[in-house]
């Protein structure tokens, strides 16, 4: 299931009800096994992975955000917020880490990302490690925002998903 937001300048949490409805309908149609569901997304989808993974950890067996971020960067009135960058003690990062600690998570980010600072993934991973959670982190040297090419062509990521979905 590969949902797309209907409005680019919005955040995934603005479409929570629709996404949950889509998951329910897909499960009812037998399109996936609800006991074997993982979540991943890139950039804004990485944010959605973090948000939905933290708000609905009970739905997912694993999560892999790619160049994601923790706090919303688009206001509810669809204006881009320019504050970016996180640290492991930010309240939003700590709260997300506590919720995400229930599931295995693997972060991917390029160290030269000019769109979403790498501190976003580093911070959430560090906060999860502080909770002794099952958190993995891969940073791609010399890679800008397009870290998804490296992440999604990784045989290790696909194997990791298979391991967590077969438990």
C-alpha atoms as a PDB file:
ATOM      1  CA  UNK A   1       0.000   0.000   0.000  1.00  0.00           C
ATOM      2  CA  UNK A   2       1.626   3.230  -1.128  1.00  0.00           C
ATOM      3  CA  UNK A   3      -0.534   6.191  -0.087  1.00  0.00           C
ATOM      4  CA  UNK A   4       0.126   9.681  -1.383  1.00  0.00           C
ATOM      5  CA  UNK A   5      -0.926  12.829   0.440  1.00  0.00           C
ATOM      6  CA  UNK A   6      -3.657  14.718  -1.418  1.00  0.00           C
ATOM      7  CA  UNK A   7      -2.053  18.070  -0.532  1.00  0.00           C
ATOM      8  CA  UNK A   8       1.714  18.493  -0.865  1.00  0.00           C
ATOM      9  CA  UNK A   9       1.959  21.336   1.667  1.00  0.00           C
ATOM     10  CA  UNK A  10       0.458  19.311   4.490  1.00  0.00           C
ATOM     11  CA  UNK A  11       1.776  16.748   6.922  1.00  0.00           C
ATOM     12  CA  UNK A  12       0.778  13.105   7.193  1.00  0.00           C
ATOM     13  CA  UNK A  13      -0.866  13.664  10.552  1.00  0.00           C
ATOM     14  CA  UNK A  14      -3.373  15.912   8.732  1.00  0.00           C
ATOM     15  CA  UNK A  15      -4.550  12.796   6.875  1.00  0.00           C
ATOM     16  CA  UNK A  16      -4.510  10.326   9.763  1.00  0.00           C
ATOM     17  CA  UNK A  17      -8.166   9.314   9.569  1.00  0.00           C
ATOM     18  CA  UNK A  18      -7.981   8.685   5.813  1.00  0.00           C
ATOM     19  CA  UNK A  19      -4.824   6.616   6.124  1.00  0.00           C
ATOM     20  CA  UNK A  20      -6.242   4.497   8.941  1.00  0.00           C
ATOM     21  CA  UNK A  21      -9.422   3.972   6.894  1.00  0.00           C
ATOM     22  CA  UNK A  22      -7.289   2.936   3.899  1.00  0.00           C
ATOM     23  CA  UNK A  23      -5.403   0.401   6.033  1.00  0.00           C
ATOM     24  CA  UNK A  24      -8.657  -1.016   7.400  1.00  0.00           C
ATOM     25  CA  UNK A  25     -10.183  -1.353   3.927  1.00  0.00           C
ATOM     26  CA  UNK A  26      -7.042  -2.967   2.508  1.00  0.00           C
ATOM     27  CA  UNK A  27      -6.969  -5.479   5.380  1.00  0.00           C
ATOM     28  CA  UNK A  28     -10.669  -6.264   4.874  1.00  0.00           C
ATOM     29  CA  UNK A  29      -9.951  -6.938   1.183  1.00  0.00           C
ATOM     30  CA  UNK A  30      -7.107  -9.263   2.144  1.00  0.00           C
ATOM     31  CA  UNK A  31      -4.433  -7.074   0.563  1.00  0.00           C
ATOM     32  CA  UNK A  32      -2.141  -7.506   3.562  1.00  0.00           C
ATOM     33  CA  UNK A  33      -1.875  -9.449   6.779  1.00  0.00           C
ATOM     34  CA  UNK A  34      -2.429  -7.031   9.708  1.00  0.00           C
ATOM     35  CA  UNK A  35      -0.052  -9.153  11.790  1.00  0.00           C
ATOM     36  CA  UNK A  36       2.733  -8.554   9.255  1.00  0.00           C
ATOM     37  CA  UNK A  37       2.742  -4.819   8.587  1.00  0.00           C
ATOM     38  CA  UNK A  38       5.769  -2.544   8.372  1.00  0.00           C
ATOM     39  CA  UNK A  39       5.947   1.154   7.564  1.00  0.00           C
ATOM     40  CA  UNK A  40       8.484   3.162   5.596  1.00  0.00           C
ATOM     41  CA  UNK A  41       8.566   6.469   3.771  1.00  0.00           C
ATOM     42  CA  UNK A  42      10.971   9.074   2.515  1.00  0.00           C
ATOM     43  CA  UNK A  43      11.250  12.782   3.362  1.00  0.00           C
ATOM     44  CA  UNK A  44       7.680  13.855   4.182  1.00  0.00           C
ATOM     45  CA  UNK A  45       6.898  10.141   4.125  1.00  0.00           C
ATOM     46  CA  UNK A  46       9.770   9.615   6.565  1.00  0.00           C
ATOM     47  CA  UNK A  47       8.008  12.088   8.817  1.00  0.00           C
ATOM     48  CA  UNK A  48       4.793  10.136   8.307  1.00  0.00           C
ATOM     49  CA  UNK A  49       6.629   6.935   9.220  1.00  0.00           C
ATOM     50  CA  UNK A  50       7.808   8.522  12.463  1.00  0.00           C
ATOM     51  CA  UNK A  51       4.401  10.038  13.271  1.00  0.00           C
ATOM     52  CA  UNK A  52       2.292   6.971  12.436  1.00  0.00           C
ATOM     53  CA  UNK A  53       4.845   4.610  13.925  1.00  0.00           C
ATOM     54  CA  UNK A  54       4.775   6.547  17.179  1.00  0.00           C
ATOM     55  CA  UNK A  55       1.001   7.116  17.286  1.00  0.00           C
ATOM     56  CA  UNK A  56       0.067   3.605  16.138  1.00  0.00           C
ATOM     57  CA  UNK A  57       2.993   1.370  17.095  1.00  0.00           C
ATOM     58  CA  UNK A  58       0.558  -1.473  17.750  1.00  0.00           C
ATOM     59  CA  UNK A  59      -0.132  -1.682  13.998  1.00  0.00           C
ATOM     60  CA  UNK A  60       3.471  -2.161  12.871  1.00  0.00           C
ATOM     61  CA  UNK A  61       6.110  -4.818  13.333  1.00  0.00           C
ATOM     62  CA  UNK A  62       8.910  -2.533  12.063  1.00  0.00           C
ATOM     63  CA  UNK A  63       9.535   0.994  10.763  1.00  0.00           C
ATOM     64  CA  UNK A  64      12.167   2.471   8.438  1.00  0.00           C
ATOM     65  CA  UNK A  65      12.037   6.257   8.030  1.00  0.00           C
ATOM     66  CA  UNK A  66      14.270   7.637   5.287  1.00  0.00           C
ATOM     67  CA  UNK A  67      15.445  11.253   5.701  1.00  0.00           C
ATOM     68  CA  UNK A  68      12.486  11.864   7.998  1.00  0.00           C
ATOM     69  CA  UNK A  69      11.857  14.420  10.710  1.00  0.00           C
ATOM     70  CA  UNK A  70      10.025  14.433  14.024  1.00  0.00           C
ATOM     71  CA  UNK A  71       8.127  17.703  14.354  1.00  0.00           C
ATOM     72  CA  UNK A  72       5.786  19.060  11.716  1.00  0.00           C
ATOM     73  CA  UNK A  73       7.406  21.447   9.236  1.00  0.00           C
ATOM     74  CA  UNK A  74       4.222  22.576   7.526  1.00  0.00           C
ATOM     75  CA  UNK A  75       1.682  24.486   9.588  1.00  0.00           C
ATOM     76  CA  UNK A  76      -1.948  23.476   9.712  1.00  0.00           C
ATOM     77  CA  UNK A  77      -2.704  26.417   7.412  1.00  0.00           C
ATOM     78  CA  UNK A  78      -0.253  24.917   4.866  1.00  0.00           C
ATOM     79  CA  UNK A  79       2.648  27.327   5.411  1.00  0.00           C
ATOM     80  CA  UNK A  80       6.179  25.925   5.404  1.00  0.00           C
ATOM     81  CA  UNK A  81       7.917  26.255   8.780  1.00  0.00           C
ATOM     82  CA  UNK A  82      11.625  26.815   8.381  1.00  0.00           C
ATOM     83  CA  UNK A  83      12.863  25.727  11.808  1.00  0.00           C
ATOM     84  CA  UNK A  84      14.720  22.490  11.347  1.00  0.00           C
ATOM     85  CA  UNK A  85      17.168  20.435  13.294  1.00  0.00           C
ATOM     86  CA  UNK A  86      16.662  18.408  16.409  1.00  0.00           C
ATOM     87  CA  UNK A  87      18.547  17.130  19.386  1.00  0.00           C
ATOM     88  CA  UNK A  88      17.923  14.026  21.503  1.00  0.00           C
ATOM     89  CA  UNK A  89      16.497  16.061  24.395  1.00  0.00           C
ATOM     90  CA  UNK A  90      13.867  17.981  22.396  1.00  0.00           C
ATOM     91  CA  UNK A  91      10.464  17.155  23.941  1.00  0.00           C
ATOM     92  CA  UNK A  92       9.025  16.072  20.579  1.00  0.00           C
ATOM     93  CA  UNK A  93      12.005  13.783  19.965  1.00  0.00           C
ATOM     94  CA  UNK A  94      11.782  12.276  23.459  1.00  0.00           C
ATOM     95  CA  UNK A  95       8.030  11.698  23.119  1.00  0.00           C
ATOM     96  CA  UNK A  96       8.412  10.101  19.680  1.00  0.00           C
ATOM     97  CA  UNK A  97      11.241   7.903  20.960  1.00  0.00           C
ATOM     98  CA  UNK A  98       9.169   6.666  23.884  1.00  0.00           C
ATOM     99  CA  UNK A  99       6.332   5.685  21.566  1.00  0.00           C
ATOM    100  CA  UNK A 100       8.591   4.223  18.858  1.00  0.00           C
ATOM    101  CA  UNK A 101      10.556   2.166  21.376  1.00  0.00           C
ATOM    102  CA  UNK A 102       7.803  -0.466  21.083  1.00  0.00           C
ATOM    103  CA  UNK A 103       8.913  -1.478  17.568  1.00  0.00           C
ATOM    104  CA  UNK A 104      12.211  -2.083  15.754  1.00  0.00           C
ATOM    105  CA  UNK A 105      13.236   0.941  13.710  1.00  0.00           C
ATOM    106  CA  UNK A 106      15.974   1.599  11.170  1.00  0.00           C
ATOM    107  CA  UNK A 107      16.822   5.175  10.152  1.00  0.00           C
ATOM    108  CA  UNK A 108      18.467   6.144   6.862  1.00  0.00           C
ATOM    109  CA  UNK A 109      19.808   9.610   6.083  1.00  0.00           C
ATOM    110  CA  UNK A 110      22.397  11.265   3.862  1.00  0.00           C
ATOM    111  CA  UNK A 111      25.025  13.226   5.776  1.00  0.00           C
ATOM    112  CA  UNK A 112      24.887  16.087   3.225  1.00  0.00           C
ATOM    113  CA  UNK A 113      21.078  16.441   3.239  1.00  0.00           C
ATOM    114  CA  UNK A 114      20.250  20.056   2.388  1.00  0.00           C
ATOM    115  CA  UNK A 115      16.464  19.575   2.782  1.00  0.00           C
ATOM    116  CA  UNK A 116      16.063  17.659   6.055  1.00  0.00           C
ATOM    117  CA  UNK A 117      19.057  18.040   8.374  1.00  0.00           C
ATOM    118  CA  UNK A 118      20.708  14.764   9.315  1.00  0.00           C
ATOM    119  CA  UNK A 119      20.359  15.844  12.957  1.00  0.00           C
ATOM    120  CA  UNK A 120      16.704  14.827  12.702  1.00  0.00           C
ATOM    121  CA  UNK A 121      17.516  11.121  12.290  1.00  0.00           C
ATOM    122  CA  UNK A 122      20.618  11.218  14.482  1.00  0.00           C
ATOM    123  CA  UNK A 123      18.653  12.744  17.362  1.00  0.00           C
ATOM    124  CA  UNK A 124      15.725  10.357  17.283  1.00  0.00           C
ATOM    125  CA  UNK A 125      18.074   7.395  16.990  1.00  0.00           C
ATOM    126  CA  UNK A 126      20.110   8.665  19.972  1.00  0.00           C
ATOM    127  CA  UNK A 127      16.932   9.147  22.022  1.00  0.00           C
ATOM    128  CA  UNK A 128      15.869   5.583  21.186  1.00  0.00           C
ATOM    129  CA  UNK A 129      19.292   4.227  22.101  1.00  0.00           C
ATOM    130  CA  UNK A 130      18.997   6.017  25.457  1.00  0.00           C
ATOM    131  CA  UNK A 131      15.822   3.973  25.999  1.00  0.00           C
ATOM    132  CA  UNK A 132      17.658   0.787  25.008  1.00  0.00           C
ATOM    133  CA  UNK A 133      15.240   0.390  22.099  1.00  0.00           C
ATOM    134  CA  UNK A 134      15.810  -1.703  18.971  1.00  0.00           C
ATOM    135  CA  UNK A 135      17.072   1.164  16.809  1.00  0.00           C
ATOM    136  CA  UNK A 136      19.442   0.993  13.850  1.00  0.00           C
ATOM    137  CA  UNK A 137      20.972   3.889  11.973  1.00  0.00           C
ATOM    138  CA  UNK A 138      22.624   4.151   8.585  1.00  0.00           C
ATOM    139  CA  UNK A 139      24.100   7.408   7.359  1.00  0.00           C
ATOM    140  CA  UNK A 140      25.219   7.670   3.760  1.00  0.00           C
ATOM    141  CA  UNK A 141      28.437   9.670   3.309  1.00  0.00           C
ATOM    142  CA  UNK A 142      28.309  12.382   0.661  1.00  0.00           C
ATOM    143  CA  UNK A 143      24.584  11.858  -0.016  1.00  0.00           C
ATOM    144  CA  UNK A 144      22.178  14.792  -0.154  1.00  0.00           C
ATOM    145  CA  UNK A 145      18.418  14.416   0.259  1.00  0.00           C
ATOM    146  CA  UNK A 146      18.052  11.473  -2.130  1.00  0.00           C
ATOM    147  CA  UNK A 147      19.104   8.870   0.440  1.00  0.00           C
ATOM    148  CA  UNK A 148      16.164   6.684  -0.568  1.00  0.00           C
ATOM    149  CA  UNK A 149      18.021   5.297  -3.562  1.00  0.00           C
ATOM    150  CA  UNK A 150      20.665   3.829  -1.257  1.00  0.00           C
ATOM    151  CA  UNK A 151      18.167   2.796   1.435  1.00  0.00           C
ATOM    152  CA  UNK A 152      15.631   1.096  -0.816  1.00  0.00           C
ATOM    153  CA  UNK A 153      18.178  -0.759  -2.938  1.00  0.00           C
ATOM    154  CA  UNK A 154      19.753  -2.184   0.216  1.00  0.00           C
ATOM    155  CA  UNK A 155      19.370  -5.932   0.419  1.00  0.00           C
ATOM    156  CA  UNK A 156      20.009  -5.566   4.156  1.00  0.00           C
ATOM    157  CA  UNK A 157      16.851  -3.458   4.600  1.00  0.00           C
ATOM    158  CA  UNK A 158      14.707  -5.963   2.724  1.00  0.00           C
ATOM    159  CA  UNK A 159      16.163  -8.832   4.790  1.00  0.00           C
ATOM    160  CA  UNK A 160      15.554  -6.832   7.999  1.00  0.00           C
ATOM    161  CA  UNK A 161      11.903  -6.317   7.041  1.00  0.00           C
ATOM    162  CA  UNK A 162      11.524 -10.038   6.237  1.00  0.00           C
ATOM    163  CA  UNK A 163      12.986 -10.999   9.622  1.00  0.00           C
ATOM    164  CA  UNK A 164      10.623  -8.698  11.533  1.00  0.00           C
ATOM    165  CA  UNK A 165       7.552  -9.610   9.511  1.00  0.00           C
ATOM    166  CA  UNK A 166       8.049 -13.332   9.901  1.00  0.00           C
ATOM    167  CA  UNK A 167       8.263 -13.302  13.706  1.00  0.00           C
END
